[in-house]
Structure formats: C-alpha cells, structure tokens
C-alpha atoms as a PDB file:
ATOM      1  CA  MET A   1     -14.546 -36.889  46.641  1.00  0.00           C
ATOM      2  CA  THR A   2     -13.178 -34.012  47.099  1.00  0.00           C
ATOM      3  CA  GLY A   3     -12.286 -32.665  50.149  1.00  0.00           C
ATOM      4  CA  THR A   4     -13.063 -36.564  51.640  1.00  0.00           C
ATOM      5  CA  ARG A   5     -10.598 -38.330  54.151  1.00  0.00           C
ATOM      6  CA  ALA A   6     -10.313 -40.940  51.717  1.00  0.00           C
ATOM      7  CA  GLU A   7      -8.779 -38.337  49.271  1.00  0.00           C
ATOM      8  CA  ALA A   8      -6.040 -37.505  51.925  1.00  0.00           C
ATOM      9  CA  ILE A   9      -5.010 -41.418  51.923  1.00  0.00           C
ATOM     10  CA  THR A  10      -5.691 -41.822  47.755  1.00  0.00           C
ATOM     11  CA  GLY A  11      -4.665 -38.549  46.276  1.00  0.00           C
ATOM     12  CA  SER A  12      -3.546 -39.426  43.281  1.00  0.00           C
ATOM     13  CA  THR A  13       0.397 -37.622  43.158  1.00  0.00           C
ATOM     14  CA  ASP A  14       3.255 -38.769  41.421  1.00  0.00           C
ATOM     15  CA  THR A  15       4.896 -39.683  44.479  1.00  0.00           C
ATOM     16  CA  ALA A  16       2.252 -41.483  46.519  1.00  0.00           C
ATOM     17  CA  PRO A  17       2.005 -45.042  46.739  1.00  0.00           C
ATOM     18  CA  ARG A  18      -1.291 -46.603  45.542  1.00  0.00           C
ATOM     19  CA  ARG A  19      -3.438 -48.292  47.827  1.00  0.00           C
ATOM     20  CA  TYR A  20      -5.643 -49.254  45.128  1.00  0.00           C
ATOM     21  CA  PHE A  21      -5.853 -52.645  42.834  1.00  0.00           C
ATOM     22  CA  VAL A  22      -7.861 -53.650  40.652  1.00  0.00           C
ATOM     23  CA  ASP A  23      -9.865 -56.899  40.875  1.00  0.00           C
ATOM     24  CA  ALA A  24     -10.209 -59.563  38.349  1.00  0.00           C
ATOM     25  CA  GLY A  25     -13.851 -57.976  37.791  1.00  0.00           C
ATOM     26  CA  GLY A  26     -11.940 -55.072  37.135  1.00  0.00           C
ATOM     27  CA  ARG A  27     -13.223 -52.697  40.203  1.00  0.00           C
ATOM     28  CA  ARG A  28     -10.956 -50.811  42.079  1.00  0.00           C
ATOM     29  CA  VAL A  29     -10.554 -52.386  45.299  1.00  0.00           C
ATOM     30  CA  LEU A  30      -8.499 -50.189  48.877  1.00  0.00           C
ATOM     31  CA  ILE A  31      -5.747 -52.819  49.600  1.00  0.00           C
ATOM     32  CA  GLY A  32      -7.198 -55.736  52.061  1.00  0.00           C
ATOM     33  CA  LEU A  33     -10.819 -55.152  51.658  1.00  0.00           C
ATOM     34  CA  THR A  34     -13.113 -56.673  49.560  1.00  0.00           C
ATOM     35  CA  PRO A  35     -15.263 -54.897  47.020  1.00  0.00           C
ATOM     36  CA  GLU A  36     -18.134 -54.988  48.917  1.00  0.00           C
ATOM     37  CA  GLU A  37     -15.700 -53.552  52.246  1.00  0.00           C
ATOM     38  CA  THR A  38     -14.417 -50.790  49.955  1.00  0.00           C
ATOM     39  CA  PHE A  39     -17.935 -49.898  48.766  1.00  0.00           C
ATOM     40  CA  GLU A  40     -18.905 -49.259  52.245  1.00  0.00           C
ATOM     41  CA  PHE A  41     -15.481 -47.614  53.677  1.00  0.00           C
ATOM     42  CA  GLU A  42     -16.401 -45.185  50.787  1.00  0.00           C
ATOM     43  CA  ARG A  43     -19.503 -44.368  51.354  1.00  0.00           C
ATOM     44  CA  LEU A  44     -19.393 -43.733  55.115  1.00  0.00           C
ATOM     45  CA  ASP A  45     -16.028 -41.638  54.559  1.00  0.00           C
ATOM     46  CA  SER A  46     -17.603 -39.487  51.762  1.00  0.00           C
ATOM     47  CA  GLY A  47     -20.462 -38.644  54.552  1.00  0.00           C
ATOM     48  CA  GLN A  48     -23.407 -40.479  52.777  1.00  0.00           C
ATOM     49  CA  ALA A  49     -23.735 -42.033  55.984  1.00  0.00           C
ATOM     50  CA  PRO A  50     -25.662 -40.272  58.615  1.00  0.00           C
ATOM     51  CA  GLY A  51     -24.220 -39.102  61.726  1.00  0.00           C
ATOM     52  CA  ARG A  52     -20.080 -39.136  63.379  1.00  0.00           C
ATOM     53  CA  VAL A  53     -19.990 -38.238  66.812  1.00  0.00           C
ATOM     54  CA  GLN A  54     -22.209 -38.840  69.633  1.00  0.00           C
ATOM     55  CA  VAL A  55     -21.809 -35.745  72.528  1.00  0.00           C
ATOM     56  CA  ALA A  56     -22.888 -35.937  75.742  1.00  0.00           C
ATOM     57  CA  SER A  57     -25.392 -33.745  77.218  1.00  0.00           C
ATOM     58  CA  GLU A  58     -22.750 -31.779  78.936  1.00  0.00           C
ATOM     59  CA  GLY A  59     -20.803 -31.585  75.668  1.00  0.00           C
ATOM     60  CA  ARG A  60     -17.780 -33.140  77.558  1.00  0.00           C
ATOM     61  CA  ASP A  61     -17.361 -37.183  76.428  1.00  0.00           C
ATOM     62  CA  VAL A  62     -17.119 -37.503  72.632  1.00  0.00           C
ATOM     63  CA  TRP A  63     -17.344 -41.130  70.849  1.00  0.00           C
ATOM     64  CA  PRO A  64     -17.869 -41.932  67.614  1.00  0.00           C
ATOM     65  CA  ASP A  65     -21.277 -43.500  66.017  1.00  0.00           C
ATOM     66  CA  ALA A  66     -21.395 -47.061  64.741  1.00  0.00           C
ATOM     67  CA  GLY A  67     -20.924 -45.699  61.228  1.00  0.00           C
ATOM     68  CA  GLU A  68     -17.436 -43.890  62.624  1.00  0.00           C
ATOM     69  CA  ARG A  69     -16.576 -47.257  64.708  1.00  0.00           C
ATOM     70  CA  ARG A  70     -17.073 -49.250  61.314  1.00  0.00           C
ATOM     71  CA  ARG A  71     -14.948 -46.767  59.003  1.00  0.00           C
ATOM     72  CA  LEU A  72     -12.545 -47.044  61.412  1.00  0.00           C
ATOM     73  CA  GLU A  73     -12.321 -50.598  61.488  1.00  0.00           C
ATOM     74  CA  LEU A  74     -12.127 -51.055  57.603  1.00  0.00           C
ATOM     75  CA  TYR A  75      -9.270 -48.137  57.647  1.00  0.00           C
ATOM     76  CA  GLU A  76      -7.855 -50.191  60.551  1.00  0.00           C
ATOM     77  CA  LYS A  77      -7.841 -53.239  58.205  1.00  0.00           C
ATOM     78  CA  HIS A  78      -6.309 -51.467  54.985  1.00  0.00           C
ATOM     79  CA  GLU A  79      -3.685 -49.893  56.769  1.00  0.00           C
ATOM     80  CA  GLY A  80      -2.765 -52.983  58.144  1.00  0.00           C
ATOM     81  CA  ALA A  81      -2.556 -55.071  54.808  1.00  0.00           C
ATOM     82  CA  TRP A  82      -0.721 -51.920  53.203  1.00  0.00           C
ATOM     83  CA  ARG A  83       1.865 -51.740  55.569  1.00  0.00           C
ATOM     84  CA  ALA A  84       2.321 -55.332  54.746  1.00  0.00           C
ATOM     85  CA  TRP A  85       2.418 -55.144  51.450  1.00  0.00           C
ATOM     86  CA  MET A  86       4.712 -51.795  50.748  1.00  0.00           C
ATOM     87  CA  ALA A  87       7.192 -53.313  53.577  1.00  0.00           C
ATOM     88  CA  GLN A  88       7.125 -56.553  51.456  1.00  0.00           C
ATOM     89  CA  SER A  89       7.704 -54.270  47.839  1.00  0.00           C
ATOM     90  CA  ARG A  90      10.429 -52.201  49.722  1.00  0.00           C
ATOM     91  CA  THR A  91      12.056 -55.808  50.218  1.00  0.00           C
ATOM     92  CA  GLU A  92      11.390 -57.043  47.017  1.00  0.00           C
ATOM     93  CA  ARG A  93      12.868 -53.936  45.629  1.00  0.00           C
ATOM     94  CA  ARG A  94      16.125 -54.271  47.536  1.00  0.00           C
ATOM     95  CA  GLU A  95      16.954 -57.648  46.418  1.00  0.00           C
ATOM     96  CA  GLY A  96      16.170 -56.987  43.168  1.00  0.00           C
ATOM     97  CA  PHE A  97      18.672 -54.287  43.528  1.00  0.00           C
ATOM     98  CA  ASN A  98      22.224 -54.443  41.929  1.00  0.00           C
ATOM     99  CA  LEU A  99      25.206 -52.374  40.615  1.00  0.00           C
ATOM    100  CA  CYS A 100      27.078 -54.304  39.161  1.00  0.00           C
END
C-alpha cells in the first residue's frame, strides 16, 4: 500500500500508535470497524475502487462520488473509535503511573 492515504494513518513507525488490532480470527482490523469494513476501507483507499470526485461541467463545483463518501464515512467511524481508545489508554496509563 505504498503511497496511499491508509499508509499515512497506519504507517509503521516506532512512535505512531497502532490503529489496527488482531481479532479472534487473526485478521488485522481497524479500531472501530468490522473486518468487512476494514477490507472495504482499504480497497476504497487504495484506489482500486473506480472514481474519486465528480466535477461539474464548468469545473467549479467538486463533490465526492459514492465511493469517496463511503471511504470518508468509514474513516470517520474509525477515527472516532480510535480517539476514544487513545483517551482511555491515556487515562489508564496516568492512573497506573506512580513515582512512590
């Protein structure tokens, strides 16, 4: 997936939080999405889905096509769940941190 938008949010660096988890079936799943939604998001994000943007005849009005809207919908679902997970993780780390 080199160069895709998914790589930007899931690229493997030592400092980046992981946005995937491994489910009971051993599949990598984006936090907040089902395995099927993860597959759909990755397919849409990789450019394998046709079309991205609709342009009016004058070229002024630009709006996303159905595939891009669905990709954004899935990303927003994942992003909300990931933010909640990160907030919970921070709280748990603070509560477990003790210098005494």
